[in-house]
């Protein structure tokens, strides 16, 4: 049986085209369909999706509603993270010869994932 994946994904510039925080509530989101289609597939396969963003915590309810309105699946959401580089650090299973941490760096607002 294949182990389920955990997918960490940034919101602005990745799921949605980038918007400044102070314009979010007055500007409709523009969806990057390549990323959303990927997340929907991952969700259908039973994988965990954790959204991350530098959006302030005060936008949590707005952001959750925005995800639900646009049918973007997620299991957890972490807001208020720093805007600098993000690191994922994970262990390697000595019995499996493949990485356990995988990274995609997408150009902002492009929204295309190849896996």
N, C-alpha and C. Protein backbone atom coordinates (compact mmCIF):
# COMPACT_ATOMS: atom_id res chain seq x y z
N UNK A 1 0.84 -1.19 0.00
CA UNK A 1 0.00 0.00 0.00
C UNK A 1 0.88 1.25 0.00
N UNK A 2 0.57 2.16 -0.91
CA UNK A 2 1.34 3.40 -1.01
C UNK A 2 0.97 4.34 0.13
N UNK A 3 1.99 4.94 0.73
CA UNK A 3 1.74 5.92 1.79
C UNK A 3 1.19 7.19 1.18
N UNK A 4 0.29 7.84 1.90
CA UNK A 4 -0.30 9.09 1.43
C UNK A 4 0.72 10.21 1.53
N UNK A 5 0.54 11.22 0.70
CA UNK A 5 1.45 12.36 0.64
C UNK A 5 0.90 13.52 1.48
N UNK A 6 1.79 14.40 1.88
CA UNK A 6 1.41 15.68 2.46
C UNK A 6 1.92 16.74 1.51
N UNK A 7 1.00 17.57 1.03
CA UNK A 7 1.34 18.61 0.07
C UNK A 7 1.22 19.96 0.76
N UNK A 8 2.33 20.67 0.86
CA UNK A 8 2.35 22.04 1.38
C UNK A 8 2.31 22.97 0.18
N UNK A 9 1.38 23.88 0.14
CA UNK A 9 1.29 24.76 -1.04
C UNK A 9 1.00 26.20 -0.60
N UNK A 10 1.74 27.11 -1.18
CA UNK A 10 1.54 28.54 -0.95
C UNK A 10 0.28 28.98 -1.69
N UNK A 11 -0.36 30.02 -1.20
CA UNK A 11 -1.62 30.47 -1.78
C UNK A 11 -1.39 31.52 -2.87
N UNK A 12 -0.83 32.66 -2.51
CA UNK A 12 -0.77 33.80 -3.42
C UNK A 12 0.42 33.71 -4.38
N UNK A 13 0.09 33.78 -5.66
CA UNK A 13 1.09 33.60 -6.70
C UNK A 13 1.22 32.14 -7.10
N UNK A 14 0.55 31.23 -6.37
CA UNK A 14 0.61 29.80 -6.65
C UNK A 14 -0.79 29.27 -6.95
N UNK A 15 -1.67 29.27 -5.96
CA UNK A 15 -3.07 28.85 -6.18
C UNK A 15 -3.82 29.97 -6.90
N UNK A 16 -3.64 31.18 -6.41
CA UNK A 16 -4.26 32.37 -7.01
C UNK A 16 -3.17 33.26 -7.59
N UNK A 17 -3.50 34.02 -8.61
CA UNK A 17 -2.59 35.06 -9.08
C UNK A 17 -2.34 36.00 -7.90
N UNK A 18 -1.14 36.52 -7.85
CA UNK A 18 -0.72 37.34 -6.70
C UNK A 18 -1.56 38.60 -6.56
N UNK A 19 -1.98 38.87 -5.32
CA UNK A 19 -2.65 40.13 -4.96
C UNK A 19 -2.02 40.64 -3.68
N UNK A 20 -1.99 41.93 -3.52
CA UNK A 20 -1.51 42.52 -2.27
C UNK A 20 -2.55 42.27 -1.19
N UNK A 21 -2.08 42.08 0.04
CA UNK A 21 -2.97 41.74 1.15
C UNK A 21 -4.09 42.75 1.33
N UNK A 22 -3.77 44.04 1.18
CA UNK A 22 -4.79 45.07 1.43
C UNK A 22 -5.83 45.18 0.32
N UNK A 23 -5.67 44.41 -0.77
CA UNK A 23 -6.66 44.44 -1.85
C UNK A 23 -7.47 43.14 -1.92
N UNK A 24 -7.16 42.16 -1.10
CA UNK A 24 -7.78 40.84 -1.23
C UNK A 24 -9.29 40.84 -1.06
N UNK A 25 -9.76 41.57 -0.09
CA UNK A 25 -11.20 41.55 0.17
C UNK A 25 -12.00 42.35 -0.86
N UNK A 26 -11.30 43.17 -1.66
CA UNK A 26 -12.00 43.97 -2.67
C UNK A 26 -11.69 43.54 -4.11
N UNK A 27 -10.80 42.55 -4.26
CA UNK A 27 -10.40 42.09 -5.59
C UNK A 27 -10.67 40.60 -5.70
N UNK A 28 -11.40 40.18 -6.72
CA UNK A 28 -11.67 38.74 -6.85
C UNK A 28 -10.40 37.96 -7.16
N UNK A 29 -10.36 36.74 -6.65
CA UNK A 29 -9.21 35.87 -6.90
C UNK A 29 -9.24 35.37 -8.34
N UNK A 30 -8.05 35.29 -8.93
CA UNK A 30 -7.89 34.69 -10.26
C UNK A 30 -7.15 33.38 -10.04
N UNK A 31 -7.77 32.29 -10.44
CA UNK A 31 -7.27 30.95 -10.14
C UNK A 31 -6.20 30.52 -11.13
N UNK A 32 -5.14 29.92 -10.60
CA UNK A 32 -4.13 29.24 -11.41
C UNK A 32 -4.58 27.79 -11.51
N UNK A 33 -5.27 27.46 -12.60
CA UNK A 33 -5.94 26.16 -12.72
C UNK A 33 -5.00 24.97 -12.70
N UNK A 34 -3.78 25.11 -13.17
CA UNK A 34 -2.83 23.98 -13.13
C UNK A 34 -2.60 23.51 -11.71
N UNK A 35 -2.43 24.44 -10.79
CA UNK A 35 -2.20 24.09 -9.39
C UNK A 35 -3.49 23.54 -8.78
N UNK A 36 -4.61 24.18 -9.03
CA UNK A 36 -5.88 23.73 -8.46
C UNK A 36 -6.23 22.33 -8.96
N UNK A 37 -6.05 22.06 -10.23
CA UNK A 37 -6.30 20.72 -10.75
C UNK A 37 -5.41 19.68 -10.08
N UNK A 38 -4.16 20.04 -9.86
CA UNK A 38 -3.22 19.16 -9.15
C UNK A 38 -3.73 18.89 -7.74
N UNK A 39 -4.14 19.95 -7.02
CA UNK A 39 -4.63 19.78 -5.65
C UNK A 39 -5.90 18.93 -5.60
N UNK A 40 -6.79 19.14 -6.54
CA UNK A 40 -8.01 18.34 -6.57
C UNK A 40 -7.69 16.86 -6.79
N UNK A 41 -6.74 16.58 -7.68
CA UNK A 41 -6.33 15.19 -7.91
C UNK A 41 -5.70 14.59 -6.66
N UNK A 42 -4.81 15.35 -6.01
CA UNK A 42 -4.16 14.87 -4.80
C UNK A 42 -5.19 14.60 -3.69
N UNK A 43 -6.17 15.49 -3.58
CA UNK A 43 -7.23 15.33 -2.58
C UNK A 43 -8.07 14.08 -2.87
N UNK A 44 -8.43 13.87 -4.12
CA UNK A 44 -9.22 12.70 -4.51
C UNK A 44 -8.48 11.40 -4.20
N UNK A 45 -7.16 11.44 -4.25
CA UNK A 45 -6.34 10.27 -3.93
C UNK A 45 -6.16 10.09 -2.42
N UNK A 46 -6.73 10.99 -1.63
CA UNK A 46 -6.66 10.86 -0.17
C UNK A 46 -5.44 11.48 0.47
N UNK A 47 -4.71 12.32 -0.25
CA UNK A 47 -3.53 12.98 0.30
C UNK A 47 -3.93 14.19 1.13
N UNK A 48 -3.04 14.61 2.02
CA UNK A 48 -3.29 15.77 2.88
C UNK A 48 -2.75 17.04 2.21
N UNK A 49 -3.56 18.09 2.24
CA UNK A 49 -3.17 19.37 1.65
C UNK A 49 -3.12 20.41 2.76
N UNK A 50 -1.96 21.02 2.90
CA UNK A 50 -1.76 22.08 3.89
C UNK A 50 -1.42 23.36 3.14
N UNK A 51 -2.30 24.34 3.25
CA UNK A 51 -2.06 25.63 2.62
C UNK A 51 -1.22 26.49 3.53
N UNK A 52 -0.29 27.24 2.93
CA UNK A 52 0.54 28.15 3.70
C UNK A 52 0.51 29.52 3.04
N UNK A 53 0.68 30.56 3.86
CA UNK A 53 0.67 31.91 3.32
C UNK A 53 1.22 32.90 4.33
N UNK A 54 1.78 33.96 3.80
CA UNK A 54 2.17 35.09 4.65
C UNK A 54 0.97 35.98 4.94
N UNK A 55 -0.21 35.65 4.39
CA UNK A 55 -1.41 36.42 4.72
C UNK A 55 -1.54 36.49 6.24
N UNK A 56 -1.95 37.62 6.75
CA UNK A 56 -2.09 37.71 8.22
C UNK A 56 -3.21 36.80 8.73
N UNK A 57 -3.07 36.36 9.97
CA UNK A 57 -4.08 35.51 10.61
C UNK A 57 -5.47 36.14 10.57
N UNK A 58 -5.53 37.46 10.56
CA UNK A 58 -6.83 38.14 10.52
C UNK A 58 -7.61 37.82 9.24
N UNK A 59 -6.94 37.28 8.22
CA UNK A 59 -7.60 36.90 6.97
C UNK A 59 -7.95 35.41 6.91
N UNK A 60 -7.87 34.71 8.04
CA UNK A 60 -8.11 33.26 8.04
C UNK A 60 -9.52 32.94 7.55
N UNK A 61 -10.53 33.52 8.15
CA UNK A 61 -11.92 33.22 7.76
C UNK A 61 -12.17 33.59 6.29
N UNK A 62 -11.68 34.78 5.89
CA UNK A 62 -11.82 35.20 4.50
C UNK A 62 -11.17 34.19 3.56
N UNK A 63 -9.95 33.75 3.91
CA UNK A 63 -9.20 32.82 3.07
C UNK A 63 -9.89 31.46 3.00
N UNK A 64 -10.36 30.95 4.12
CA UNK A 64 -11.08 29.67 4.12
C UNK A 64 -12.33 29.76 3.26
N UNK A 65 -13.06 30.86 3.38
CA UNK A 65 -14.25 31.05 2.55
C UNK A 65 -13.89 31.12 1.07
N UNK A 66 -12.78 31.80 0.76
CA UNK A 66 -12.32 31.93 -0.62
C UNK A 66 -11.96 30.55 -1.20
N UNK A 67 -11.33 29.71 -0.40
CA UNK A 67 -10.99 28.35 -0.85
C UNK A 67 -12.26 27.55 -1.09
N UNK A 68 -13.17 27.58 -0.14
CA UNK A 68 -14.42 26.83 -0.28
C UNK A 68 -15.24 27.31 -1.48
N UNK A 69 -15.34 28.62 -1.65
CA UNK A 69 -16.09 29.19 -2.77
C UNK A 69 -15.54 28.75 -4.13
N UNK A 70 -14.22 28.57 -4.18
CA UNK A 70 -13.56 28.19 -5.44
C UNK A 70 -13.27 26.69 -5.54
N UNK A 71 -13.85 25.91 -4.62
CA UNK A 71 -13.69 24.44 -4.63
C UNK A 71 -12.23 24.01 -4.59
N UNK A 72 -11.46 24.68 -3.76
CA UNK A 72 -10.05 24.33 -3.59
C UNK A 72 -9.93 23.53 -2.30
N UNK A 73 -9.56 22.26 -2.42
CA UNK A 73 -9.51 21.40 -1.23
C UNK A 73 -8.31 21.71 -0.34
N UNK A 74 -8.53 21.59 0.96
CA UNK A 74 -7.42 21.67 1.90
C UNK A 74 -7.83 21.02 3.21
N UNK A 75 -6.83 20.54 3.94
CA UNK A 75 -7.06 19.92 5.24
C UNK A 75 -6.70 20.85 6.38
N UNK A 76 -5.65 21.63 6.17
CA UNK A 76 -5.20 22.59 7.18
C UNK A 76 -4.68 23.83 6.47
N UNK A 77 -4.62 24.91 7.22
CA UNK A 77 -4.12 26.16 6.65
C UNK A 77 -3.29 26.87 7.72
N UNK A 78 -2.11 27.31 7.33
CA UNK A 78 -1.21 28.02 8.23
C UNK A 78 -0.94 29.39 7.62
N UNK A 79 -1.44 30.43 8.28
CA UNK A 79 -1.22 31.80 7.82
C UNK A 79 -0.20 32.49 8.72
N UNK A 80 0.28 33.63 8.25
CA UNK A 80 1.21 34.43 9.04
C UNK A 80 2.65 33.94 9.00
N UNK A 81 2.99 33.10 8.00
CA UNK A 81 4.38 32.66 7.92
C UNK A 81 5.22 33.77 7.26
N UNK A 82 6.50 33.67 7.38
CA UNK A 82 7.39 34.70 6.84
C UNK A 82 7.39 34.66 5.32
N UNK A 83 7.77 35.78 4.72
CA UNK A 83 7.78 35.92 3.26
C UNK A 83 9.08 35.43 2.63
N UNK A 84 10.07 35.16 3.44
CA UNK A 84 11.35 34.70 2.91
C UNK A 84 11.29 33.26 2.44
N UNK A 85 12.44 32.67 2.10
CA UNK A 85 12.48 31.28 1.63
C UNK A 85 11.87 30.33 2.66
N UNK A 86 11.27 29.26 2.14
CA UNK A 86 10.67 28.24 3.00
C UNK A 86 11.45 26.95 2.82
N UNK A 87 11.76 26.29 3.89
CA UNK A 87 12.53 25.06 3.87
C UNK A 87 11.67 23.91 4.36
N UNK A 88 11.77 22.77 3.71
CA UNK A 88 11.13 21.55 4.16
C UNK A 88 12.26 20.58 4.49
N UNK A 89 12.30 20.15 5.72
CA UNK A 89 13.36 19.25 6.17
C UNK A 89 12.70 17.95 6.61
N UNK A 90 13.15 16.85 6.06
CA UNK A 90 12.53 15.56 6.33
C UNK A 90 13.60 14.48 6.36
N UNK A 91 13.30 13.35 7.00
CA UNK A 91 14.25 12.25 7.05
C UNK A 91 14.10 11.37 5.81
N UNK A 92 15.10 10.53 5.57
CA UNK A 92 15.08 9.57 4.47
C UNK A 92 14.86 8.18 5.08
N UNK A 93 14.01 7.39 4.46
CA UNK A 93 13.81 6.01 4.88
C UNK A 93 14.98 5.20 4.33
N UNK A 94 15.80 4.57 5.19
CA UNK A 94 16.97 3.85 4.69
C UNK A 94 16.62 2.65 3.81
N UNK A 95 15.38 2.20 3.84
CA UNK A 95 14.98 1.04 3.04
C UNK A 95 14.32 1.43 1.71
N UNK A 96 14.15 2.74 1.49
CA UNK A 96 13.53 3.21 0.25
C UNK A 96 14.49 4.18 -0.43
N UNK A 97 14.80 3.89 -1.68
CA UNK A 97 15.77 4.70 -2.42
C UNK A 97 15.07 5.80 -3.22
N UNK A 98 14.39 6.69 -2.52
CA UNK A 98 13.76 7.85 -3.16
C UNK A 98 13.61 8.96 -2.13
N UNK A 99 13.61 10.19 -2.60
CA UNK A 99 13.49 11.31 -1.66
C UNK A 99 12.13 11.34 -0.97
N UNK A 100 12.13 11.80 0.27
CA UNK A 100 10.88 11.96 1.01
C UNK A 100 10.46 13.42 1.10
N UNK A 101 11.29 14.32 0.59
CA UNK A 101 10.95 15.74 0.51
C UNK A 101 11.16 16.17 -0.95
N UNK A 102 10.11 16.65 -1.55
CA UNK A 102 10.14 17.05 -2.95
C UNK A 102 9.72 18.50 -3.03
N UNK A 103 10.37 19.26 -3.89
CA UNK A 103 10.10 20.70 -3.98
C UNK A 103 9.82 21.10 -5.42
N UNK A 104 8.83 21.96 -5.59
CA UNK A 104 8.56 22.60 -6.88
C UNK A 104 8.63 24.10 -6.65
N UNK A 105 9.47 24.79 -7.39
CA UNK A 105 9.51 26.24 -7.37
C UNK A 105 8.87 26.71 -8.67
N UNK A 106 7.69 27.30 -8.56
CA UNK A 106 6.96 27.74 -9.75
C UNK A 106 7.14 29.23 -9.97
N UNK A 107 7.26 29.66 -11.21
CA UNK A 107 7.25 31.10 -11.46
C UNK A 107 5.91 31.66 -10.97
N UNK A 108 5.96 32.84 -10.37
CA UNK A 108 4.74 33.46 -9.83
C UNK A 108 3.66 33.56 -10.90
N UNK A 109 2.45 33.22 -10.50
CA UNK A 109 1.24 33.34 -11.31
C UNK A 109 1.17 32.39 -12.50
N UNK A 110 2.10 31.46 -12.64
CA UNK A 110 2.07 30.54 -13.78
C UNK A 110 1.17 29.35 -13.47
N UNK A 111 1.34 28.75 -12.30
CA UNK A 111 0.44 27.71 -11.86
C UNK A 111 0.47 26.42 -12.63
N UNK A 112 1.63 25.96 -13.06
CA UNK A 112 1.73 24.70 -13.79
C UNK A 112 2.68 23.77 -13.05
N UNK A 113 2.19 22.58 -12.69
CA UNK A 113 3.01 21.61 -11.98
C UNK A 113 3.15 20.37 -12.85
N UNK A 114 4.39 19.92 -13.02
CA UNK A 114 4.63 18.64 -13.68
C UNK A 114 5.15 17.70 -12.60
N UNK A 115 4.51 16.54 -12.52
CA UNK A 115 4.96 15.56 -11.51
C UNK A 115 4.97 14.17 -12.07
